[in-house]
Amino acid sequence: MSESAQWEAAEPGVKRRIYPPGTSLMMMEVHFEEGAEGYLHAHPHEQLSYCLRGSLEFSVDGEKSIIRAGETIVIPGGAVHGVVALEPSALLDCFTPLREDLLKR
């Protein structure tokens, strides 16, 4: 694995690792402690999140939904979104186009 696949802290109780990207698609694994939050934010990239384990409550443009292991949620580019882990959980997030803001840290 390259250096970009090392675990790093995100928000409190949240860690992530960003995998080496393709030319227009990238993937990131995110682990949450119970109650940990991915704060509300927006970016122009389309995002697909797949729940690897646990359950999480997403807010996308004010609409709440819960996903559990084996389920996905699509977040359109520009949507204000965030997430709260209802139990210890893990996500696999995919983005297109590349999130240069994450890759160039």
N, C-alpha and C. Protein backbone atom coordinates (compact mmCIF):
# COMPACT_ATOMS: atom_id res chain seq x y z
N MET A 1 0.84 -1.18 0.00
CA MET A 1 0.00 0.00 0.00
C MET A 1 0.89 1.24 0.00
N SER A 2 0.41 2.23 -0.67
CA SER A 2 1.17 3.48 -0.69
C SER A 2 0.88 4.27 0.57
N GLU A 3 1.64 5.33 0.77
CA GLU A 3 1.47 6.19 1.94
C GLU A 3 0.06 6.75 2.03
N SER A 4 -0.61 6.95 0.90
CA SER A 4 -1.96 7.51 0.93
C SER A 4 -2.98 6.54 1.53
N ALA A 5 -2.58 5.30 1.81
CA ALA A 5 -3.51 4.34 2.41
C ALA A 5 -3.24 4.17 3.90
N GLN A 6 -2.58 5.11 4.52
CA GLN A 6 -2.34 5.07 5.97
C GLN A 6 -3.54 5.65 6.70
N TRP A 7 -3.82 5.11 7.87
CA TRP A 7 -4.92 5.63 8.68
C TRP A 7 -4.57 7.01 9.20
N GLU A 8 -5.58 7.89 9.26
CA GLU A 8 -5.40 9.22 9.81
C GLU A 8 -6.67 9.62 10.55
N ALA A 9 -6.52 10.51 11.53
CA ALA A 9 -7.68 11.02 12.26
C ALA A 9 -8.44 11.99 11.38
N ALA A 10 -9.76 11.93 11.46
CA ALA A 10 -10.62 12.91 10.78
C ALA A 10 -11.26 13.74 11.89
N GLU A 11 -12.52 13.50 12.21
CA GLU A 11 -13.17 14.14 13.35
C GLU A 11 -12.96 13.28 14.59
N PRO A 12 -13.32 13.76 15.78
CA PRO A 12 -13.19 12.94 16.99
C PRO A 12 -13.95 11.62 16.84
N GLY A 13 -13.26 10.51 17.11
CA GLY A 13 -13.88 9.19 17.00
C GLY A 13 -13.99 8.67 15.58
N VAL A 14 -13.37 9.37 14.63
CA VAL A 14 -13.44 8.98 13.22
C VAL A 14 -12.03 8.90 12.66
N LYS A 15 -11.72 7.76 12.00
CA LYS A 15 -10.44 7.65 11.30
C LYS A 15 -10.72 7.20 9.88
N ARG A 16 -9.79 7.56 8.98
CA ARG A 16 -9.98 7.23 7.57
C ARG A 16 -8.66 6.86 6.93
N ARG A 17 -8.78 6.15 5.80
CA ARG A 17 -7.62 5.94 4.94
C ARG A 17 -8.07 6.09 3.50
N ILE A 18 -7.26 6.81 2.76
CA ILE A 18 -7.57 7.14 1.38
C ILE A 18 -6.71 6.24 0.50
N TYR A 19 -7.37 5.48 -0.35
CA TYR A 19 -6.65 4.55 -1.22
C TYR A 19 -6.13 5.27 -2.46
N PRO A 20 -5.07 4.74 -3.07
CA PRO A 20 -4.56 5.37 -4.30
C PRO A 20 -5.69 5.48 -5.33
N PRO A 21 -5.87 6.67 -5.92
CA PRO A 21 -7.00 6.90 -6.82
C PRO A 21 -6.75 6.42 -8.23
N GLY A 22 -7.86 6.30 -8.99
CA GLY A 22 -7.78 6.12 -10.44
C GLY A 22 -7.68 7.49 -11.08
N THR A 23 -8.05 7.58 -12.34
CA THR A 23 -7.94 8.86 -13.03
C THR A 23 -9.10 9.80 -12.70
N SER A 24 -10.27 9.26 -12.38
CA SER A 24 -11.42 10.12 -12.06
C SER A 24 -12.29 9.58 -10.92
N LEU A 25 -11.83 8.52 -10.27
CA LEU A 25 -12.59 7.89 -9.20
C LEU A 25 -11.65 7.58 -8.05
N MET A 26 -12.13 7.82 -6.81
CA MET A 26 -11.30 7.50 -5.65
C MET A 26 -12.15 6.85 -4.57
N MET A 27 -11.46 6.19 -3.62
CA MET A 27 -12.13 5.44 -2.58
C MET A 27 -11.46 5.71 -1.24
N MET A 28 -12.28 5.76 -0.19
CA MET A 28 -11.79 6.04 1.15
C MET A 28 -12.56 5.16 2.13
N GLU A 29 -11.86 4.53 3.05
CA GLU A 29 -12.48 3.74 4.11
C GLU A 29 -12.53 4.61 5.36
N VAL A 30 -13.69 4.60 6.05
CA VAL A 30 -13.88 5.45 7.22
C VAL A 30 -14.46 4.60 8.35
N HIS A 31 -13.81 4.66 9.52
CA HIS A 31 -14.28 3.93 10.70
C HIS A 31 -14.76 4.92 11.75
N PHE A 32 -15.87 4.59 12.41
CA PHE A 32 -16.51 5.46 13.40
C PHE A 32 -16.68 4.72 14.72
N GLU A 33 -16.38 5.40 15.82
CA GLU A 33 -16.78 4.91 17.13
C GLU A 33 -18.27 5.24 17.29
N GLU A 34 -18.95 4.54 18.18
CA GLU A 34 -20.36 4.83 18.42
C GLU A 34 -20.54 6.29 18.81
N GLY A 35 -21.48 6.97 18.18
CA GLY A 35 -21.77 8.37 18.47
C GLY A 35 -20.89 9.37 17.74
N ALA A 36 -19.85 8.90 17.07
CA ALA A 36 -18.95 9.81 16.35
C ALA A 36 -19.68 10.41 15.14
N GLU A 37 -19.27 11.62 14.78
CA GLU A 37 -19.92 12.35 13.69
C GLU A 37 -18.96 12.71 12.57
N GLY A 38 -19.46 12.61 11.38
CA GLY A 38 -18.85 13.26 10.23
C GLY A 38 -19.62 14.55 10.06
N TYR A 39 -19.00 15.67 10.37
CA TYR A 39 -19.69 16.96 10.43
C TYR A 39 -20.33 17.35 9.10
N LEU A 40 -21.38 18.16 9.17
CA LEU A 40 -22.05 18.65 7.97
C LEU A 40 -21.04 19.40 7.08
N HIS A 41 -21.07 19.09 5.81
CA HIS A 41 -20.20 19.75 4.84
C HIS A 41 -20.77 19.51 3.44
N ALA A 42 -20.19 20.14 2.46
CA ALA A 42 -20.60 19.93 1.06
C ALA A 42 -19.35 19.99 0.19
N HIS A 43 -19.39 19.30 -0.92
CA HIS A 43 -18.33 19.34 -1.93
C HIS A 43 -18.98 19.07 -3.27
N PRO A 44 -18.34 19.47 -4.36
CA PRO A 44 -18.96 19.31 -5.67
C PRO A 44 -18.94 17.88 -6.20
N HIS A 45 -18.30 16.98 -5.50
CA HIS A 45 -18.11 15.61 -5.96
C HIS A 45 -19.32 14.74 -5.65
N GLU A 46 -19.69 13.86 -6.57
CA GLU A 46 -20.71 12.85 -6.29
C GLU A 46 -20.08 11.80 -5.37
N GLN A 47 -20.84 11.33 -4.39
CA GLN A 47 -20.32 10.37 -3.40
C GLN A 47 -21.28 9.19 -3.29
N LEU A 48 -20.71 7.99 -3.23
CA LEU A 48 -21.47 6.78 -2.95
C LEU A 48 -20.85 6.17 -1.70
N SER A 49 -21.65 5.95 -0.65
CA SER A 49 -21.16 5.38 0.59
C SER A 49 -21.79 4.01 0.80
N TYR A 50 -20.95 3.01 1.05
CA TYR A 50 -21.36 1.63 1.30
C TYR A 50 -21.04 1.30 2.76
N CYS A 51 -22.02 0.84 3.52
CA CYS A 51 -21.82 0.50 4.93
C CYS A 51 -21.21 -0.89 5.04
N LEU A 52 -19.98 -0.95 5.51
CA LEU A 52 -19.28 -2.22 5.70
C LEU A 52 -19.76 -2.95 6.94
N ARG A 53 -20.00 -2.17 8.01
CA ARG A 53 -20.51 -2.75 9.26
C ARG A 53 -21.16 -1.64 10.09
N GLY A 54 -22.06 -2.05 10.99
CA GLY A 54 -22.71 -1.10 11.87
C GLY A 54 -23.92 -0.45 11.24
N SER A 55 -24.29 0.72 11.77
CA SER A 55 -25.40 1.50 11.22
C SER A 55 -25.12 2.98 11.46
N LEU A 56 -25.52 3.79 10.49
CA LEU A 56 -25.23 5.21 10.52
C LEU A 56 -26.45 5.99 10.06
N GLU A 57 -26.65 7.16 10.68
CA GLU A 57 -27.72 8.05 10.26
C GLU A 57 -27.10 9.19 9.45
N PHE A 58 -27.50 9.27 8.19
CA PHE A 58 -27.04 10.33 7.30
C PHE A 58 -28.06 11.46 7.26
N SER A 59 -27.57 12.66 7.11
CA SER A 59 -28.40 13.81 6.79
C SER A 59 -27.89 14.33 5.46
N VAL A 60 -28.78 14.39 4.46
CA VAL A 60 -28.43 14.88 3.13
C VAL A 60 -29.44 15.97 2.78
N ASP A 61 -28.94 17.20 2.72
CA ASP A 61 -29.82 18.36 2.48
C ASP A 61 -31.02 18.35 3.43
N GLY A 62 -30.77 18.01 4.70
CA GLY A 62 -31.79 18.03 5.73
C GLY A 62 -32.65 16.78 5.83
N GLU A 63 -32.52 15.87 4.87
CA GLU A 63 -33.30 14.62 4.91
C GLU A 63 -32.47 13.54 5.58
N LYS A 64 -33.05 12.89 6.60
CA LYS A 64 -32.33 11.87 7.37
C LYS A 64 -32.67 10.48 6.86
N SER A 65 -31.66 9.61 6.82
CA SER A 65 -31.87 8.20 6.51
C SER A 65 -30.80 7.37 7.21
N ILE A 66 -31.17 6.15 7.51
CA ILE A 66 -30.26 5.23 8.20
C ILE A 66 -29.86 4.14 7.22
N ILE A 67 -28.55 3.86 7.19
CA ILE A 67 -28.07 2.71 6.42
C ILE A 67 -27.37 1.75 7.36
N ARG A 68 -27.45 0.47 7.01
CA ARG A 68 -26.85 -0.60 7.80
C ARG A 68 -25.91 -1.41 6.91
N ALA A 69 -25.18 -2.32 7.53
CA ALA A 69 -24.23 -3.15 6.78
C ALA A 69 -24.86 -3.70 5.50
N GLY A 70 -24.16 -3.51 4.39
CA GLY A 70 -24.61 -4.00 3.10
C GLY A 70 -25.47 -3.02 2.32
N GLU A 71 -25.75 -1.85 2.89
CA GLU A 71 -26.58 -0.86 2.22
C GLU A 71 -25.74 0.33 1.77
N THR A 72 -26.29 1.10 0.83
CA THR A 72 -25.59 2.25 0.27
C THR A 72 -26.46 3.50 0.33
N ILE A 73 -25.79 4.63 0.16
CA ILE A 73 -26.48 5.91 0.00
C ILE A 73 -25.71 6.71 -1.04
N VAL A 74 -26.43 7.41 -1.89
CA VAL A 74 -25.82 8.27 -2.90
C VAL A 74 -25.98 9.71 -2.43
N ILE A 75 -24.89 10.46 -2.47
CA ILE A 75 -24.90 11.87 -2.08
C ILE A 75 -24.54 12.69 -3.32
N PRO A 76 -25.48 13.47 -3.82
CA PRO A 76 -25.20 14.26 -5.02
C PRO A 76 -24.15 15.33 -4.75
N GLY A 77 -23.43 15.71 -5.77
CA GLY A 77 -22.48 16.81 -5.65
C GLY A 77 -23.20 18.08 -5.19
N GLY A 78 -22.59 18.80 -4.25
CA GLY A 78 -23.15 20.03 -3.74
C GLY A 78 -24.11 19.87 -2.58
N ALA A 79 -24.53 18.65 -2.27
CA ALA A 79 -25.48 18.43 -1.17
C ALA A 79 -24.77 18.62 0.17
N VAL A 80 -25.44 19.30 1.10
CA VAL A 80 -24.92 19.44 2.46
C VAL A 80 -25.23 18.13 3.18
N HIS A 81 -24.19 17.47 3.68
CA HIS A 81 -24.39 16.16 4.29
C HIS A 81 -23.47 15.93 5.48
N GLY A 82 -23.90 15.03 6.33
CA GLY A 82 -23.14 14.61 7.49
C GLY A 82 -23.67 13.27 7.94
N VAL A 83 -23.00 12.69 8.95
CA VAL A 83 -23.36 11.34 9.40
C VAL A 83 -23.07 11.19 10.88
N VAL A 84 -23.87 10.36 11.55
CA VAL A 84 -23.65 10.00 12.96
C VAL A 84 -23.68 8.49 13.04
N ALA A 85 -22.68 7.91 13.70
CA ALA A 85 -22.63 6.45 13.88
C ALA A 85 -23.55 6.05 15.04
N LEU A 86 -24.50 5.17 14.77
CA LEU A 86 -25.43 4.70 15.79
C LEU A 86 -24.82 3.57 16.62
N GLU A 87 -23.73 3.02 16.13
CA GLU A 87 -22.95 1.97 16.80
C GLU A 87 -21.57 1.99 16.13
N PRO A 88 -20.59 1.24 16.63
CA PRO A 88 -19.31 1.21 15.91
C PRO A 88 -19.57 0.79 14.46
N SER A 89 -19.04 1.57 13.51
CA SER A 89 -19.41 1.39 12.10
C SER A 89 -18.24 1.65 11.18
N ALA A 90 -18.38 1.21 9.94
CA ALA A 90 -17.37 1.46 8.92
C ALA A 90 -18.05 1.67 7.58
N LEU A 91 -17.51 2.61 6.81
CA LEU A 91 -18.01 2.95 5.48
C LEU A 91 -16.90 2.81 4.45
N LEU A 92 -17.30 2.55 3.24
CA LEU A 92 -16.42 2.67 2.08
C LEU A 92 -17.03 3.76 1.22
N ASP A 93 -16.34 4.89 1.10
CA ASP A 93 -16.82 6.04 0.33
C ASP A 93 -16.10 6.09 -1.01
N CYS A 94 -16.86 6.32 -2.08
CA CYS A 94 -16.29 6.52 -3.42
C CYS A 94 -16.70 7.90 -3.90
N PHE A 95 -15.78 8.58 -4.58
CA PHE A 95 -16.00 9.94 -5.05
C PHE A 95 -15.61 10.05 -6.52
N THR A 96 -16.37 10.84 -7.25
CA THR A 96 -16.00 11.23 -8.60
C THR A 96 -16.45 12.67 -8.81
N PRO A 97 -15.65 13.52 -9.42
CA PRO A 97 -14.25 13.30 -9.76
C PRO A 97 -13.40 13.22 -8.50
N LEU A 98 -12.10 13.16 -8.67
CA LEU A 98 -11.17 13.05 -7.54
C LEU A 98 -11.34 14.20 -6.56
N ARG A 99 -11.24 13.88 -5.28
CA ARG A 99 -11.25 14.89 -4.21
C ARG A 99 -9.82 15.39 -4.02
N GLU A 100 -9.43 16.34 -4.85
CA GLU A 100 -8.08 16.89 -4.76
C GLU A 100 -7.81 17.48 -3.38
N ASP A 101 -8.87 18.00 -2.71
CA ASP A 101 -8.69 18.56 -1.37
C ASP A 101 -8.21 17.51 -0.39
N LEU A 102 -8.56 16.24 -0.58
CA LEU A 102 -8.09 15.17 0.29
C LEU A 102 -6.76 14.58 -0.18
N LEU A 103 -6.56 14.56 -1.47
CA LEU A 103 -5.36 13.94 -2.02
C LEU A 103 -4.11 14.82 -1.88
N LYS A 104 -4.28 16.12 -1.81
CA LYS A 104 -3.12 17.03 -1.79
C LYS A 104 -2.85 17.59 -0.40
N ARG A 105 -3.01 16.76 0.64
CA ARG A 105 -2.71 17.22 2.00
C ARG A 105 -1.28 16.92 2.34
